[in-house]
Amino acid sequence: MLAREGIGVGEKRVARLMALAGLEGAHRRRRRGCTVAVQGVEPFGDLVGRDCRPDAPDRVWCADIKQIRTGEGWL
């Protein structure tokens, strides 16, 4: 609205003034995934322990796999 009026303000100034007034910007909710939880079935544990800095090369291999082909078809 200020830009339409020809008033130039910086992003940090707006953020500071909003914080002083106790205002927060509106944001969209996160989309939910398509994974359906089954009662009584435990998901796989975190085998790597979220260690993104292993001790040496070729210690930890990971990937973001959405589909994988198996002998029975795509999972």
C-alpha atoms as a PDB file:
ATOM      1  CA  MET A   1       0.000   0.000   0.000  1.00  0.00           C
ATOM      2  CA  LEU A   2       2.856   2.363   0.778  1.00  0.00           C
ATOM      3  CA  ALA A   3       4.459   1.656  -2.586  1.00  0.00           C
ATOM      4  CA  ARG A   4       1.230   2.636  -4.344  1.00  0.00           C
ATOM      5  CA  GLU A   5       1.303   5.931  -2.458  1.00  0.00           C
ATOM      6  CA  GLY A   6       4.864   6.565  -3.606  1.00  0.00           C
ATOM      7  CA  ILE A   7       6.371   6.108  -0.144  1.00  0.00           C
ATOM      8  CA  GLY A   8       9.589   4.095  -0.209  1.00  0.00           C
ATOM      9  CA  VAL A   9      10.379   1.947   2.830  1.00  0.00           C
ATOM     10  CA  GLY A  10      12.801  -0.913   3.323  1.00  0.00           C
ATOM     11  CA  GLU A  11      11.893  -4.465   4.208  1.00  0.00           C
ATOM     12  CA  LYS A  12      13.797  -4.316   7.510  1.00  0.00           C
ATOM     13  CA  ARG A  13      11.996  -1.144   8.571  1.00  0.00           C
ATOM     14  CA  VAL A  14       8.622  -2.715   7.883  1.00  0.00           C
ATOM     15  CA  ALA A  15       9.676  -5.848   9.791  1.00  0.00           C
ATOM     16  CA  ARG A  16      10.853  -3.748  12.757  1.00  0.00           C
ATOM     17  CA  LEU A  17       7.657  -1.687  12.877  1.00  0.00           C
ATOM     18  CA  MET A  18       5.501  -4.793  12.580  1.00  0.00           C
ATOM     19  CA  ALA A  19       7.430  -6.445  15.432  1.00  0.00           C
ATOM     20  CA  LEU A  20       6.956  -3.364  17.608  1.00  0.00           C
ATOM     21  CA  ALA A  21       3.225  -3.447  16.885  1.00  0.00           C
ATOM     22  CA  GLY A  22       3.045  -7.202  17.567  1.00  0.00           C
ATOM     23  CA  LEU A  23       1.999  -8.016  14.003  1.00  0.00           C
ATOM     24  CA  GLU A  24       2.918 -11.098  11.959  1.00  0.00           C
ATOM     25  CA  GLY A  25       2.520 -11.708   8.266  1.00  0.00           C
ATOM     26  CA  ALA A  26      -0.124 -14.190   7.141  1.00  0.00           C
ATOM     27  CA  HIS A  27       1.207 -17.397   5.638  1.00  0.00           C
ATOM     28  CA  ARG A  28      -0.334 -20.405   3.964  1.00  0.00           C
ATOM     29  CA  ARG A  29      -0.616 -23.688   5.756  1.00  0.00           C
ATOM     30  CA  ARG A  30       1.692 -26.501   4.796  1.00  0.00           C
ATOM     31  CA  ARG A  31       0.240 -29.145   2.516  1.00  0.00           C
ATOM     32  CA  ARG A  32      -0.135 -32.530   4.101  1.00  0.00           C
ATOM     33  CA  GLY A  33       1.672 -35.478   2.586  1.00  0.00           C
ATOM     34  CA  CYS A  34      -0.009 -38.464   1.046  1.00  0.00           C
ATOM     35  CA  THR A  35       1.413 -41.002   3.523  1.00  0.00           C
ATOM     36  CA  VAL A  36      -1.329 -42.785   5.427  1.00  0.00           C
ATOM     37  CA  ALA A  37      -0.420 -44.071   8.880  1.00  0.00           C
ATOM     38  CA  VAL A  38      -1.388 -47.653   9.677  1.00  0.00           C
ATOM     39  CA  GLN A  39      -2.086 -48.452  13.316  1.00  0.00           C
ATOM     40  CA  GLY A  40       0.316 -50.947  14.824  1.00  0.00           C
ATOM     41  CA  VAL A  41       2.967 -50.468  12.115  1.00  0.00           C
ATOM     42  CA  GLU A  42       6.156 -48.651  13.108  1.00  0.00           C
ATOM     43  CA  PRO A  43       7.846 -46.494  10.445  1.00  0.00           C
ATOM     44  CA  PHE A  44      11.487 -47.181   9.635  1.00  0.00           C
ATOM     45  CA  GLY A  45      13.918 -45.597  12.064  1.00  0.00           C
ATOM     46  CA  ASP A  46      16.531 -43.005  11.208  1.00  0.00           C
ATOM     47  CA  LEU A  47      19.499 -45.244  10.417  1.00  0.00           C
ATOM     48  CA  VAL A  48      21.884 -42.335   9.814  1.00  0.00           C
ATOM     49  CA  GLY A  49      20.906 -40.313  12.870  1.00  0.00           C
ATOM     50  CA  ARG A  50      20.665 -37.201  10.669  1.00  0.00           C
ATOM     51  CA  ASP A  51      24.474 -37.103  10.579  1.00  0.00           C
ATOM     52  CA  CYS A  52      25.198 -34.882   7.578  1.00  0.00           C
ATOM     53  CA  ARG A  53      28.939 -34.798   8.284  1.00  0.00           C
ATOM     54  CA  PRO A  54      30.293 -38.370   8.419  1.00  0.00           C
ATOM     55  CA  ASP A  55      33.850 -39.135   9.559  1.00  0.00           C
ATOM     56  CA  ALA A  56      35.174 -40.116   6.121  1.00  0.00           C
ATOM     57  CA  PRO A  57      34.046 -40.320   2.482  1.00  0.00           C
ATOM     58  CA  ASP A  58      31.699 -43.146   1.431  1.00  0.00           C
ATOM     59  CA  ARG A  59      30.369 -43.715   4.961  1.00  0.00           C
ATOM     60  CA  VAL A  60      26.829 -42.459   4.470  1.00  0.00           C
ATOM     61  CA  TRP A  61      24.824 -42.545   1.264  1.00  0.00           C
ATOM     62  CA  CYS A  62      21.356 -41.066   1.075  1.00  0.00           C
ATOM     63  CA  ALA A  63      18.882 -39.866  -1.510  1.00  0.00           C
ATOM     64  CA  ASP A  64      15.399 -38.467  -1.803  1.00  0.00           C
ATOM     65  CA  ILE A  65      13.620 -41.330  -3.525  1.00  0.00           C
ATOM     66  CA  LYS A  66      10.019 -40.831  -4.489  1.00  0.00           C
ATOM     67  CA  GLN A  67       9.623 -44.029  -6.516  1.00  0.00           C
ATOM     68  CA  ILE A  68      11.718 -47.157  -6.766  1.00  0.00           C
ATOM     69  CA  ARG A  69      11.354 -50.062  -9.162  1.00  0.00           C
ATOM     70  CA  THR A  70      11.260 -53.510  -7.578  1.00  0.00           C
ATOM     71  CA  GLY A  71      10.727 -57.006  -8.944  1.00  0.00           C
ATOM     72  CA  GLU A  72       7.032 -56.639  -8.120  1.00  0.00           C
ATOM     73  CA  GLY A  73       6.663 -53.214  -9.733  1.00  0.00           C
ATOM     74  CA  TRP A  74       6.966 -49.573  -8.699  1.00  0.00           C
ATOM     75  CA  LEU A  75       6.759 -48.543  -5.052  1.00  0.00           C
END
